[in-house]
Amino acid sequence: MFTVTRWCAWSGLGFIPRRLTNSKSKIMTSQKDLKKFRSNLRTWYKRASKDEIKQGLVWYKDAMDFAKQLSTDYGVRGEVAAGVISALSPNNRWERNKFDAVQVLMAVRDDVPMDDVKVCTYNANKAKAFAIAKGDRKILKSSPKTYAFARNVGENDSNFVTIDKWHLRACQTSSKKSRTCRESVTPKQYRIIQEETVKVAKEMGVKAYQFQAIIWVTIRNQWI
């Protein structure tokens, strides 16, 4: 049974049928695997329509503008705003992610108890977001996905790549048809895939975060 916060996140655009997400085994990163990953990423990138490329190129710029606005509106540092956004991002639609970030920062400013705030992600992530908003903690490198997302949103840092389940799918298959893909990586494997993604992005002549965003938009639109 899903909790209310889990269901809220799962019921929108982020809904993924269970048969696509049932693999908990770790993704493999042998040289053969990495060669295939690079090839598949190129394929997905080249499939992008003009509109998908346009969306991907500005996605993180728009996200950074939003983080800057939060920083101004709630009197917090940019890295705090980006950290709150990132902490609330797991299994959360982007529009709701932004709404939740506003709710958390507003609650901290107005001394509203955490339990009175509803967000569409896991309760542990809500607690993390509140702690970041209060200045009690930061997003750590030991959580590579949320750390990368915070860097991408807060700084448009091209040294980090937000590798979610869609990016892992793009790495593992060039097929548009639904199939089971491994969607779990260790921090070491995350870093390896991140490095490979940065390499291919440079080949394509775009920033790594733009490359990832273009693939994210494309595979979500075209995945059957």
N, C-alpha and C. Protein backbone atom coordinates (compact mmCIF):
# COMPACT_ATOMS: atom_id res chain seq x y z
N MET A 1 0.86 -1.20 0.00
CA MET A 1 0.00 0.00 0.00
C MET A 1 0.88 1.24 0.00
N PHE A 2 0.61 2.17 -0.91
CA PHE A 2 1.38 3.40 -0.98
C PHE A 2 0.87 4.39 0.03
N THR A 3 1.77 5.20 0.57
CA THR A 3 1.36 6.29 1.44
C THR A 3 0.78 7.40 0.58
N VAL A 4 0.15 8.38 1.21
CA VAL A 4 -0.44 9.49 0.46
C VAL A 4 0.64 10.24 -0.31
N THR A 5 1.75 10.51 0.34
CA THR A 5 2.79 11.28 -0.33
C THR A 5 3.39 10.49 -1.48
N ARG A 6 3.53 9.19 -1.32
CA ARG A 6 4.10 8.37 -2.41
C ARG A 6 3.14 8.32 -3.59
N TRP A 7 1.86 8.14 -3.33
CA TRP A 7 0.87 8.06 -4.40
C TRP A 7 0.78 9.37 -5.16
N CYS A 8 0.86 10.48 -4.45
CA CYS A 8 0.76 11.79 -5.09
C CYS A 8 1.86 11.94 -6.12
N ALA A 9 3.06 11.49 -5.78
CA ALA A 9 4.17 11.60 -6.71
C ALA A 9 4.02 10.63 -7.87
N TRP A 10 3.41 9.48 -7.61
CA TRP A 10 3.41 8.39 -8.57
C TRP A 10 2.29 8.49 -9.58
N SER A 11 1.31 9.35 -9.30
CA SER A 11 0.08 9.32 -10.09
C SER A 11 0.09 10.26 -11.28
N GLY A 12 1.12 11.06 -11.46
CA GLY A 12 1.13 12.00 -12.56
C GLY A 12 1.97 11.53 -13.73
N LEU A 13 2.70 12.46 -14.35
CA LEU A 13 3.50 12.12 -15.51
C LEU A 13 4.60 11.13 -15.18
N GLY A 14 4.93 11.04 -13.90
CA GLY A 14 5.99 10.12 -13.50
C GLY A 14 5.54 8.69 -13.37
N PHE A 15 4.27 8.37 -13.63
CA PHE A 15 3.76 7.01 -13.49
C PHE A 15 4.49 6.06 -14.42
N ILE A 16 5.06 5.00 -13.84
CA ILE A 16 5.75 3.99 -14.62
C ILE A 16 5.16 2.64 -14.29
N PRO A 17 4.67 1.87 -15.28
CA PRO A 17 4.15 0.55 -14.99
C PRO A 17 5.17 -0.31 -14.28
N ARG A 18 4.72 -1.13 -13.34
CA ARG A 18 5.63 -1.92 -12.53
C ARG A 18 6.54 -2.80 -13.37
N ARG A 19 6.05 -3.29 -14.49
CA ARG A 19 6.86 -4.22 -15.28
C ARG A 19 8.10 -3.55 -15.85
N LEU A 20 8.15 -2.21 -15.82
CA LEU A 20 9.32 -1.51 -16.31
C LEU A 20 10.31 -1.20 -15.21
N THR A 21 9.91 -1.35 -13.97
CA THR A 21 10.75 -0.91 -12.87
C THR A 21 11.04 -2.02 -11.86
N ASN A 22 10.87 -3.26 -12.26
CA ASN A 22 10.98 -4.33 -11.28
C ASN A 22 12.39 -4.88 -11.12
N SER A 23 13.34 -4.33 -11.84
CA SER A 23 14.70 -4.83 -11.73
C SER A 23 15.48 -4.03 -10.70
N LYS A 24 15.90 -4.68 -9.64
CA LYS A 24 16.67 -4.02 -8.59
C LYS A 24 18.15 -4.39 -8.67
N SER A 25 18.52 -5.20 -9.64
CA SER A 25 19.92 -5.56 -9.80
C SER A 25 20.69 -4.36 -10.32
N LYS A 26 21.97 -4.33 -9.98
CA LYS A 26 22.80 -3.20 -10.36
C LYS A 26 23.14 -3.23 -11.84
N ILE A 27 23.22 -2.06 -12.44
CA ILE A 27 23.59 -1.94 -13.83
C ILE A 27 25.06 -2.29 -14.00
N MET A 28 25.40 -2.89 -15.12
CA MET A 28 26.78 -3.30 -15.36
C MET A 28 27.54 -2.19 -16.08
N THR A 29 28.83 -2.04 -15.77
CA THR A 29 29.61 -0.96 -16.36
C THR A 29 30.95 -1.47 -16.87
N SER A 30 30.93 -2.62 -17.55
CA SER A 30 32.15 -3.10 -18.21
C SER A 30 32.42 -2.20 -19.42
N GLN A 31 33.60 -2.31 -20.01
CA GLN A 31 33.92 -1.51 -21.18
C GLN A 31 32.95 -1.78 -22.32
N LYS A 32 32.53 -3.04 -22.45
CA LYS A 32 31.55 -3.39 -23.47
C LYS A 32 30.22 -2.70 -23.20
N ASP A 33 29.81 -2.70 -21.92
CA ASP A 33 28.57 -2.04 -21.54
C ASP A 33 28.64 -0.54 -21.83
N LEU A 34 29.77 0.06 -21.46
CA LEU A 34 29.91 1.51 -21.63
C LEU A 34 29.90 1.91 -23.10
N LYS A 35 30.50 1.08 -23.94
CA LYS A 35 30.47 1.36 -25.38
C LYS A 35 29.03 1.35 -25.88
N LYS A 36 28.26 0.37 -25.41
CA LYS A 36 26.84 0.29 -25.77
C LYS A 36 26.08 1.49 -25.23
N PHE A 37 26.37 1.89 -24.00
CA PHE A 37 25.70 3.05 -23.41
C PHE A 37 25.93 4.30 -24.26
N ARG A 38 27.17 4.53 -24.65
CA ARG A 38 27.50 5.71 -25.45
C ARG A 38 26.74 5.70 -26.78
N SER A 39 26.71 4.52 -27.40
CA SER A 39 26.00 4.38 -28.67
C SER A 39 24.50 4.65 -28.50
N ASN A 40 23.91 4.12 -27.45
CA ASN A 40 22.48 4.32 -27.22
C ASN A 40 22.15 5.78 -26.91
N LEU A 41 23.02 6.42 -26.14
CA LEU A 41 22.79 7.84 -25.83
C LEU A 41 22.85 8.69 -27.10
N ARG A 42 23.80 8.38 -27.99
CA ARG A 42 23.87 9.09 -29.26
C ARG A 42 22.58 8.90 -30.06
N THR A 43 22.08 7.67 -30.05
CA THR A 43 20.86 7.37 -30.80
C THR A 43 19.68 8.18 -30.28
N TRP A 44 19.50 8.20 -28.98
CA TRP A 44 18.38 8.95 -28.40
C TRP A 44 18.53 10.44 -28.66
N TYR A 45 19.75 10.94 -28.57
CA TYR A 45 19.98 12.36 -28.82
C TYR A 45 19.62 12.72 -30.26
N LYS A 46 20.05 11.87 -31.20
CA LYS A 46 19.80 12.15 -32.61
C LYS A 46 18.33 11.98 -32.99
N ARG A 47 17.57 11.28 -32.17
CA ARG A 47 16.13 11.13 -32.40
C ARG A 47 15.34 12.36 -32.00
N ALA A 48 15.92 13.21 -31.22
CA ALA A 48 15.19 14.36 -30.68
C ALA A 48 14.67 15.25 -31.80
N SER A 49 13.42 15.65 -31.67
CA SER A 49 12.84 16.59 -32.62
C SER A 49 13.37 18.00 -32.31
N LYS A 50 13.10 18.94 -33.21
CA LYS A 50 13.53 20.31 -32.98
C LYS A 50 12.92 20.86 -31.69
N ASP A 51 11.66 20.51 -31.45
CA ASP A 51 11.00 20.99 -30.25
C ASP A 51 11.59 20.36 -28.99
N GLU A 52 11.93 19.07 -29.06
CA GLU A 52 12.52 18.39 -27.91
C GLU A 52 13.91 18.94 -27.62
N ILE A 53 14.67 19.25 -28.66
CA ILE A 53 15.98 19.88 -28.46
C ILE A 53 15.81 21.25 -27.81
N LYS A 54 14.86 22.01 -28.30
CA LYS A 54 14.61 23.34 -27.75
C LYS A 54 14.25 23.26 -26.27
N GLN A 55 13.37 22.32 -25.93
CA GLN A 55 12.98 22.16 -24.52
C GLN A 55 14.17 21.77 -23.65
N GLY A 56 14.97 20.82 -24.15
CA GLY A 56 16.11 20.34 -23.37
C GLY A 56 17.17 21.39 -23.15
N LEU A 57 17.41 22.21 -24.16
CA LEU A 57 18.46 23.22 -24.06
C LEU A 57 18.17 24.26 -22.98
N VAL A 58 16.89 24.54 -22.76
CA VAL A 58 16.55 25.60 -21.79
C VAL A 58 16.05 25.05 -20.46
N TRP A 59 15.92 23.73 -20.33
CA TRP A 59 15.29 23.17 -19.14
C TRP A 59 16.01 23.60 -17.86
N TYR A 60 17.31 23.41 -17.82
CA TYR A 60 18.04 23.74 -16.59
C TYR A 60 18.24 25.24 -16.42
N LYS A 61 18.26 25.98 -17.50
CA LYS A 61 18.32 27.44 -17.37
C LYS A 61 17.05 27.93 -16.68
N ASP A 62 15.90 27.42 -17.13
CA ASP A 62 14.64 27.80 -16.50
C ASP A 62 14.60 27.35 -15.03
N ALA A 63 15.14 26.16 -14.78
CA ALA A 63 15.17 25.65 -13.40
C ALA A 63 16.06 26.53 -12.52
N MET A 64 17.19 26.97 -13.05
CA MET A 64 18.08 27.83 -12.28
C MET A 64 17.42 29.19 -12.02
N ASP A 65 16.72 29.71 -13.01
CA ASP A 65 15.99 30.97 -12.83
C ASP A 65 14.96 30.84 -11.70
N PHE A 66 14.30 29.68 -11.65
CA PHE A 66 13.33 29.44 -10.59
C PHE A 66 14.02 29.40 -9.23
N ALA A 67 15.17 28.71 -9.16
CA ALA A 67 15.91 28.63 -7.90
C ALA A 67 16.37 30.02 -7.45
N LYS A 68 16.79 30.83 -8.39
CA LYS A 68 17.21 32.20 -8.06
C LYS A 68 16.03 33.01 -7.52
N GLN A 69 14.87 32.81 -8.11
CA GLN A 69 13.68 33.52 -7.64
C GLN A 69 13.32 33.10 -6.22
N LEU A 70 13.43 31.81 -5.93
CA LEU A 70 13.18 31.34 -4.57
C LEU A 70 14.18 31.96 -3.60
N SER A 71 15.43 32.04 -4.03
CA SER A 71 16.46 32.63 -3.19
C SER A 71 16.12 34.07 -2.83
N THR A 72 15.64 34.80 -3.81
CA THR A 72 15.25 36.20 -3.58
C THR A 72 14.00 36.31 -2.71
N ASP A 73 13.00 35.50 -3.04
CA ASP A 73 11.71 35.60 -2.35
C ASP A 73 11.79 35.19 -0.88
N TYR A 74 12.65 34.22 -0.57
CA TYR A 74 12.67 33.68 0.80
C TYR A 74 13.97 33.95 1.54
N GLY A 75 14.83 34.77 0.95
CA GLY A 75 16.03 35.21 1.64
C GLY A 75 17.00 34.10 1.99
N VAL A 76 17.15 33.14 1.08
CA VAL A 76 18.09 32.04 1.30
C VAL A 76 19.14 32.06 0.20
N ARG A 77 20.26 31.41 0.46
CA ARG A 77 21.30 31.31 -0.56
C ARG A 77 20.82 30.46 -1.73
N GLY A 78 21.41 30.70 -2.86
CA GLY A 78 21.03 29.95 -4.04
C GLY A 78 21.20 28.45 -3.88
N GLU A 79 22.29 28.04 -3.20
CA GLU A 79 22.54 26.62 -3.01
C GLU A 79 21.49 25.99 -2.09
N VAL A 80 20.94 26.79 -1.17
CA VAL A 80 19.87 26.29 -0.30
C VAL A 80 18.61 26.07 -1.11
N ALA A 81 18.24 27.04 -1.94
CA ALA A 81 17.06 26.89 -2.78
C ALA A 81 17.19 25.68 -3.69
N ALA A 82 18.36 25.53 -4.31
CA ALA A 82 18.58 24.38 -5.21
C ALA A 82 18.56 23.07 -4.42
N GLY A 83 19.10 23.10 -3.21
CA GLY A 83 19.10 21.90 -2.38
C GLY A 83 17.71 21.47 -1.97
N VAL A 84 16.85 22.44 -1.65
CA VAL A 84 15.46 22.13 -1.30
C VAL A 84 14.74 21.52 -2.50
N ILE A 85 14.92 22.13 -3.66
CA ILE A 85 14.31 21.60 -4.88
C ILE A 85 14.76 20.17 -5.12
N SER A 86 16.06 19.95 -5.01
CA SER A 86 16.62 18.63 -5.28
C SER A 86 16.14 17.59 -4.27
N ALA A 87 16.09 17.97 -3.00
CA ALA A 87 15.65 17.03 -1.96
C ALA A 87 14.22 16.58 -2.19
N LEU A 88 13.41 17.44 -2.77
CA LEU A 88 11.99 17.13 -2.99
C LEU A 88 11.72 16.49 -4.35
N SER A 89 12.76 16.25 -5.13
CA SER A 89 12.57 15.81 -6.51
C SER A 89 12.30 14.32 -6.72
N PRO A 90 12.77 13.40 -5.85
CA PRO A 90 12.57 11.98 -6.15
C PRO A 90 11.10 11.60 -6.36
N ASN A 91 10.84 10.99 -7.51
CA ASN A 91 9.48 10.55 -7.88
C ASN A 91 8.44 11.66 -7.78
N ASN A 92 8.85 12.84 -8.17
CA ASN A 92 7.96 14.00 -8.10
C ASN A 92 7.95 14.70 -9.45
N ARG A 93 6.78 15.01 -9.97
CA ARG A 93 6.70 15.77 -11.22
C ARG A 93 7.30 17.15 -11.01
N TRP A 94 7.88 17.70 -12.08
CA TRP A 94 8.60 18.96 -11.95
C TRP A 94 7.71 20.10 -11.47
N GLU A 95 6.52 20.26 -12.03
CA GLU A 95 5.65 21.35 -11.60
C GLU A 95 5.28 21.21 -10.13
N ARG A 96 5.03 19.98 -9.69
CA ARG A 96 4.72 19.76 -8.29
C ARG A 96 5.98 19.93 -7.43
N ASN A 97 7.12 19.55 -7.96
CA ASN A 97 8.39 19.73 -7.27
C ASN A 97 8.60 21.21 -6.93
N LYS A 98 8.33 22.06 -7.89
CA LYS A 98 8.47 23.50 -7.67
C LYS A 98 7.48 24.00 -6.62
N PHE A 99 6.25 23.54 -6.73
CA PHE A 99 5.22 23.93 -5.76
C PHE A 99 5.63 23.50 -4.34
N ASP A 100 6.14 22.28 -4.21
CA ASP A 100 6.55 21.78 -2.91
C ASP A 100 7.71 22.58 -2.34
N ALA A 101 8.64 22.99 -3.21
CA ALA A 101 9.78 23.79 -2.74
C ALA A 101 9.30 25.11 -2.15
N VAL A 102 8.34 25.72 -2.80
CA VAL A 102 7.76 26.97 -2.28
C VAL A 102 7.11 26.72 -0.92
N GLN A 103 6.36 25.63 -0.82
CA GLN A 103 5.66 25.32 0.43
C GLN A 103 6.65 25.12 1.58
N VAL A 104 7.74 24.43 1.32
CA VAL A 104 8.73 24.17 2.37
C VAL A 104 9.41 25.46 2.80
N LEU A 105 9.86 26.25 1.84
CA LEU A 105 10.55 27.49 2.18
C LEU A 105 9.62 28.47 2.89
N MET A 106 8.38 28.51 2.48
CA MET A 106 7.40 29.37 3.13
C MET A 106 7.14 28.90 4.56
N ALA A 107 7.06 27.57 4.74
CA ALA A 107 6.81 27.02 6.07
C ALA A 107 7.96 27.32 7.02
N VAL A 108 9.19 27.19 6.53
CA VAL A 108 10.35 27.48 7.37
C VAL A 108 10.39 28.96 7.73
N ARG A 109 10.09 29.81 6.78
CA ARG A 109 10.07 31.26 7.04
C ARG A 109 9.01 31.62 8.08
N ASP A 110 7.86 30.97 8.00
CA ASP A 110 6.72 31.31 8.86
C ASP A 110 6.59 30.41 10.09
N ASP A 111 7.60 29.56 10.32
CA ASP A 111 7.60 28.65 11.47
C ASP A 111 6.39 27.71 11.49
N VAL A 112 6.03 27.23 10.33
CA VAL A 112 4.95 26.24 10.22
C VAL A 112 5.54 24.86 10.48
N PRO A 113 4.93 24.04 11.35
CA PRO A 113 5.46 22.70 11.62
C PRO A 113 5.55 21.85 10.35
N MET A 114 6.60 21.06 10.26
CA MET A 114 6.81 20.22 9.09
C MET A 114 5.63 19.29 8.82
N ASP A 115 5.05 18.76 9.87
CA ASP A 115 3.94 17.81 9.71
C ASP A 115 2.70 18.46 9.10
N ASP A 116 2.63 19.78 9.11
CA ASP A 116 1.48 20.48 8.53
C ASP A 116 1.64 20.72 7.02
N VAL A 117 2.80 20.37 6.49
CA VAL A 117 3.08 20.63 5.08
C VAL A 117 2.97 19.33 4.28
N LYS A 118 2.18 19.37 3.22
CA LYS A 118 2.02 18.21 2.35
C LYS A 118 2.89 18.36 1.11
N VAL A 119 3.67 17.33 0.83
CA VAL A 119 4.48 17.33 -0.38
C VAL A 119 4.28 16.00 -1.11
N CYS A 120 4.63 16.00 -2.38
CA CYS A 120 4.42 14.80 -3.21
C CYS A 120 5.70 14.02 -3.42
N THR A 121 6.39 13.75 -2.34
CA THR A 121 7.54 12.85 -2.39
C THR A 121 7.58 12.12 -1.05
N TYR A 122 8.64 11.38 -0.81
CA TYR A 122 8.73 10.59 0.41
C TYR A 122 8.91 11.48 1.63
N ASN A 123 8.42 11.02 2.77
CA ASN A 123 8.53 11.79 4.00
C ASN A 123 9.98 12.06 4.39
N ALA A 124 10.86 11.11 4.13
CA ALA A 124 12.27 11.29 4.44
C ALA A 124 12.86 12.45 3.63
N ASN A 125 12.40 12.59 2.40
CA ASN A 125 12.87 13.68 1.57
C ASN A 125 12.31 15.02 2.02
N LYS A 126 11.08 15.00 2.52
CA LYS A 126 10.51 16.23 3.08
C LYS A 126 11.34 16.68 4.28
N ALA A 127 11.69 15.74 5.14
CA ALA A 127 12.51 16.08 6.31
C ALA A 127 13.86 16.64 5.89
N LYS A 128 14.44 16.04 4.85
CA LYS A 128 15.72 16.53 4.34
C LYS A 128 15.58 17.95 3.80
N ALA A 129 14.50 18.21 3.07
CA ALA A 129 14.28 19.54 2.50
C ALA A 129 14.13 20.59 3.60
N PHE A 130 13.40 20.25 4.66
CA PHE A 130 13.24 21.18 5.78
C PHE A 130 14.59 21.47 6.45
N ALA A 131 15.39 20.43 6.61
CA ALA A 131 16.70 20.61 7.24
C ALA A 131 17.60 21.51 6.39
N ILE A 132 17.54 21.32 5.07
CA ILE A 132 18.33 22.17 4.17
C ILE A 132 17.84 23.61 4.23
N ALA A 133 16.52 23.80 4.22
CA ALA A 133 15.95 25.15 4.26
C ALA A 133 16.33 25.88 5.55
N LYS A 134 16.48 25.13 6.63
CA LYS A 134 16.86 25.72 7.92
C LYS A 134 18.37 25.90 8.06
N GLY A 135 19.12 25.40 7.10
CA GLY A 135 20.57 25.52 7.15
C GLY A 135 21.24 24.47 8.00
N ASP A 136 20.52 23.40 8.32
CA ASP A 136 21.05 22.36 9.20
C ASP A 136 21.81 21.27 8.44
N ARG A 137 21.64 21.20 7.13
CA ARG A 137 22.34 20.20 6.35
C ARG A 137 22.42 20.63 4.89
N LYS A 138 23.22 19.91 4.12
CA LYS A 138 23.36 20.15 2.69
C LYS A 138 23.14 18.84 1.94
N ILE A 139 22.93 18.96 0.64
CA ILE A 139 22.91 17.78 -0.21
C ILE A 139 24.34 17.26 -0.30
N LEU A 140 24.55 15.99 -0.01
CA LEU A 140 25.88 15.42 0.04
C LEU A 140 26.25 14.68 -1.24
N LYS A 141 27.54 14.64 -1.54
CA LYS A 141 28.03 13.91 -2.70
C LYS A 141 27.74 12.42 -2.60
N SER A 142 27.56 11.94 -1.39
CA SER A 142 27.25 10.52 -1.19
C SER A 142 25.87 10.16 -1.73
N SER A 143 25.06 11.18 -2.04
CA SER A 143 23.78 10.98 -2.73
C SER A 143 23.94 11.59 -4.12
N PRO A 144 24.59 10.85 -5.04
CA PRO A 144 25.05 11.45 -6.29
C PRO A 144 23.96 12.03 -7.18
N LYS A 145 22.78 11.41 -7.20
CA LYS A 145 21.72 11.93 -8.08
C LYS A 145 21.19 13.28 -7.59
N THR A 146 20.82 13.36 -6.32
CA THR A 146 20.28 14.62 -5.81
C THR A 146 21.38 15.69 -5.75
N TYR A 147 22.62 15.26 -5.52
CA TYR A 147 23.73 16.23 -5.53
C TYR A 147 23.90 16.82 -6.93
N ALA A 148 23.89 15.93 -7.94
CA ALA A 148 24.03 16.39 -9.32
C ALA A 148 22.88 17.30 -9.72
N PHE A 149 21.66 16.94 -9.31
CA PHE A 149 20.50 17.75 -9.65
C PHE A 149 20.62 19.13 -9.01
N ALA A 150 21.08 19.18 -7.77
CA ALA A 150 21.26 20.47 -7.11
C ALA A 150 22.32 21.31 -7.83
N ARG A 151 23.39 20.67 -8.28
CA ARG A 151 24.43 21.38 -9.02
C ARG A 151 23.92 21.87 -10.38
N ASN A 152 23.15 21.03 -11.04
CA ASN A 152 22.59 21.41 -12.34
C ASN A 152 21.59 22.54 -12.21
N VAL A 153 20.72 22.46 -11.20
CA VAL A 153 19.69 23.48 -11.00
C VAL A 153 20.29 24.77 -10.44
N GLY A 154 21.20 24.64 -9.49
CA GLY A 154 21.72 25.82 -8.82
C GLY A 154 22.81 26.55 -9.56
N GLU A 155 23.63 25.79 -10.31
CA GLU A 155 24.81 26.40 -10.94
C GLU A 155 24.91 26.14 -12.43
N ASN A 156 24.00 25.33 -12.99
CA ASN A 156 24.16 24.84 -14.37
C ASN A 156 25.57 24.29 -14.55
N ASP A 157 25.99 23.47 -13.60
CA ASP A 157 27.33 22.87 -13.57
C ASP A 157 27.37 21.70 -14.55
N SER A 158 28.19 21.82 -15.59
CA SER A 158 28.25 20.79 -16.63
C SER A 158 29.15 19.62 -16.27
N ASN A 159 29.73 19.63 -15.07
CA ASN A 159 30.55 18.51 -14.62
C ASN A 159 29.70 17.40 -13.99
N PHE A 160 28.43 17.70 -13.75
CA PHE A 160 27.55 16.74 -13.10
C PHE A 160 26.34 16.47 -13.99
N VAL A 161 25.86 15.23 -13.92
CA VAL A 161 24.71 14.81 -14.73
C VAL A 161 23.67 14.18 -13.82
N THR A 162 22.43 14.61 -13.97
CA THR A 162 21.33 14.03 -13.20
C THR A 162 20.90 12.74 -13.88
N ILE A 163 21.31 11.62 -13.31
CA ILE A 163 21.04 10.32 -13.91
C ILE A 163 19.87 9.67 -13.19
N ASP A 164 18.70 9.75 -13.82
CA ASP A 164 17.51 9.13 -13.25
C ASP A 164 17.18 7.86 -14.03
N LYS A 165 16.01 7.28 -13.77
CA LYS A 165 15.65 6.03 -14.43
C LYS A 165 15.53 6.19 -15.94
N TRP A 166 15.13 7.39 -16.40
CA TRP A 166 15.01 7.61 -17.83
C TRP A 166 16.37 7.64 -18.50
N HIS A 167 17.34 8.23 -17.84
CA HIS A 167 18.69 8.25 -18.41
C HIS A 167 19.28 6.85 -18.42
N LEU A 168 19.04 6.09 -17.37
CA LEU A 168 19.54 4.72 -17.34
C LEU A 168 18.89 3.87 -18.43
N ARG A 169 17.62 4.09 -18.68
CA ARG A 169 16.95 3.37 -19.77
C ARG A 169 17.58 3.74 -21.11
N ALA A 170 17.82 5.04 -21.30
CA ALA A 170 18.43 5.49 -22.55
C ALA A 170 19.81 4.87 -22.73
N CYS A 171 20.54 4.70 -21.64
CA CYS A 171 21.85 4.07 -21.72
C CYS A 171 21.75 2.61 -22.16
N GLN A 172 20.75 1.91 -21.65
CA GLN A 172 20.70 0.47 -21.83
C GLN A 172 20.02 0.00 -23.11
N THR A 173 19.16 0.83 -23.69
CA THR A 173 18.45 0.39 -24.89
C THR A 173 18.18 1.56 -25.82
N SER A 174 18.26 1.29 -27.12
CA SER A 174 17.88 2.28 -28.11
C SER A 174 16.47 2.02 -28.61
N SER A 175 15.84 0.96 -28.10
CA SER A 175 14.48 0.61 -28.51
C SER A 175 13.47 1.54 -27.87
N LYS A 176 12.45 1.89 -28.62
CA LYS A 176 11.37 2.71 -28.09
C LYS A 176 10.32 1.88 -27.37
N LYS A 177 10.39 0.57 -27.53
CA LYS A 177 9.38 -0.29 -26.93
C LYS A 177 9.69 -0.55 -25.47
N SER A 178 8.63 -0.70 -24.69
CA SER A 178 8.77 -0.93 -23.26
C SER A 178 9.54 -2.22 -23.00
N ARG A 179 10.44 -2.19 -22.06
CA ARG A 179 11.20 -3.36 -21.68
C ARG A 179 11.76 -3.13 -20.29
N THR A 180 12.13 -4.21 -19.64
CA THR A 180 12.69 -4.09 -18.29
C THR A 180 14.15 -3.67 -18.40
N CYS A 181 14.50 -2.64 -17.67
CA CYS A 181 15.88 -2.16 -17.62
C CYS A 181 16.33 -2.10 -16.17
N ARG A 182 17.60 -2.32 -15.95
CA ARG A 182 18.15 -2.15 -14.61
C ARG A 182 18.15 -0.66 -14.28
N GLU A 183 17.67 -0.35 -13.09
CA GLU A 183 17.53 1.06 -12.72
C GLU A 183 18.18 1.38 -11.38
N SER A 184 19.15 0.57 -10.99
CA SER A 184 19.84 0.78 -9.72
C SER A 184 21.34 0.83 -9.97
N VAL A 185 22.00 1.83 -9.42
CA VAL A 185 23.44 1.97 -9.57
C VAL A 185 24.08 2.29 -8.23
N THR A 186 25.31 1.86 -8.06
CA THR A 186 26.09 2.24 -6.90
C THR A 186 26.66 3.63 -7.14
N PRO A 187 27.11 4.33 -6.10
CA PRO A 187 27.74 5.63 -6.32
C PRO A 187 28.91 5.57 -7.31
N LYS A 188 29.69 4.50 -7.25
CA LYS A 188 30.81 4.35 -8.19
C LYS A 188 30.31 4.21 -9.61
N GLN A 189 29.29 3.38 -9.82
CA GLN A 189 28.72 3.21 -11.16
C GLN A 189 28.08 4.50 -11.65
N TYR A 190 27.47 5.23 -10.75
CA TYR A 190 26.88 6.53 -11.11
C TYR A 190 27.97 7.43 -11.67
N ARG A 191 29.10 7.51 -10.99
CA ARG A 191 30.19 8.38 -11.44
C ARG A 191 30.70 7.96 -12.81
N ILE A 192 30.79 6.64 -13.03
CA ILE A 192 31.26 6.14 -14.32
C ILE A 192 30.30 6.54 -15.44
N ILE A 193 29.01 6.33 -15.23
CA ILE A 193 28.01 6.68 -16.24
C ILE A 193 27.98 8.19 -16.45
N GLN A 194 28.16 8.93 -15.39
CA GLN A 194 28.23 10.40 -15.50
C GLN A 194 29.39 10.82 -16.39
N GLU A 195 30.54 10.22 -16.17
CA GLU A 195 31.72 10.55 -16.97
C GLU A 195 31.50 10.22 -18.44
N GLU A 196 30.88 9.07 -18.71
CA GLU A 196 30.61 8.67 -20.09
C GLU A 196 29.62 9.62 -20.74
N THR A 197 28.63 10.06 -19.98
CA THR A 197 27.63 10.99 -20.50
C THR A 197 28.27 12.34 -20.85
N VAL A 198 29.16 12.81 -19.99
CA VAL A 198 29.87 14.06 -20.25
C VAL A 198 30.68 13.96 -21.54
N LYS A 199 31.31 12.81 -21.76
CA LYS A 199 32.10 12.60 -22.98
C LYS A 199 31.24 12.70 -24.23
N VAL A 200 30.10 12.01 -24.21
CA VAL A 200 29.22 12.01 -25.39
C VAL A 200 28.63 13.40 -25.61
N ALA A 201 28.30 14.08 -24.53
CA ALA A 201 27.77 15.44 -24.65
C ALA A 201 28.76 16.35 -25.36
N LYS A 202 30.04 16.22 -25.01
CA LYS A 202 31.08 17.02 -25.66
C LYS A 202 31.15 16.69 -27.14
N GLU A 203 31.00 15.40 -27.49
CA GLU A 203 30.98 15.00 -28.90
C GLU A 203 29.86 15.71 -29.65
N MET A 204 28.71 15.84 -28.98
CA MET A 204 27.53 16.44 -29.60
C MET A 204 27.56 17.96 -29.57
N GLY A 205 28.53 18.53 -28.86
CA GLY A 205 28.69 19.98 -28.83
C GLY A 205 27.74 20.70 -27.91
N VAL A 206 27.28 20.03 -26.84
CA VAL A 206 26.38 20.66 -25.87
C VAL A 206 26.89 20.40 -24.46
N LYS A 207 26.38 21.18 -23.51
CA LYS A 207 26.71 20.95 -22.11
C LYS A 207 26.11 19.63 -21.66
N ALA A 208 26.74 19.00 -20.68
CA ALA A 208 26.27 17.70 -20.22
C ALA A 208 24.84 17.76 -19.69
N TYR A 209 24.51 18.83 -18.95
CA TYR A 209 23.15 18.93 -18.41
C TYR A 209 22.14 19.17 -19.52
N GLN A 210 22.55 19.86 -20.59
CA GLN A 210 21.65 20.04 -21.73
C GLN A 210 21.44 18.72 -22.46
N PHE A 211 22.51 17.98 -22.63
CA PHE A 211 22.45 16.67 -23.29
C PHE A 211 21.51 15.74 -22.54
N GLN A 212 21.66 15.69 -21.22
CA GLN A 212 20.79 14.84 -20.40
C GLN A 212 19.34 15.29 -20.50
N ALA A 213 19.11 16.60 -20.48
CA ALA A 213 17.74 17.11 -20.53
C ALA A 213 17.09 16.81 -21.88
N ILE A 214 17.83 16.93 -22.96
CA ILE A 214 17.30 16.63 -24.29
C ILE A 214 16.92 15.16 -24.37
N ILE A 215 17.78 14.28 -23.87
CA ILE A 215 17.47 12.85 -23.88
C ILE A 215 16.27 12.56 -22.98
N TRP A 216 16.20 13.21 -21.84
CA TRP A 216 15.09 13.02 -20.89
C TRP A 216 13.76 13.38 -21.54
N VAL A 217 13.72 14.54 -22.20
CA VAL A 217 12.49 14.96 -22.88
C VAL A 217 12.14 13.99 -24.00
N THR A 218 13.15 13.59 -24.75
CA THR A 218 12.93 12.74 -25.92
C THR A 218 12.44 11.34 -25.55
N ILE A 219 13.11 10.69 -24.62
CA ILE A 219 12.74 9.32 -24.29
C ILE A 219 11.38 9.28 -23.59
N ARG A 220 11.07 10.28 -22.78
CA ARG A 220 9.75 10.32 -22.13
C ARG A 220 8.64 10.49 -23.17
N ASN A 221 8.92 11.27 -24.21
CA ASN A 221 7.93 11.48 -25.25
C ASN A 221 7.77 10.28 -26.17
N GLN A 222 8.87 9.60 -26.44
CA GLN A 222 8.87 8.57 -27.48
C GLN A 222 8.80 7.14 -26.95
N TRP A 223 8.98 6.97 -25.64
CA TRP A 223 8.95 5.62 -25.06
C TRP A 223 7.54 5.04 -25.18
N ILE A 224 7.46 3.82 -25.68
CA ILE A 224 6.16 3.16 -25.86
C ILE A 224 5.90 2.25 -24.67
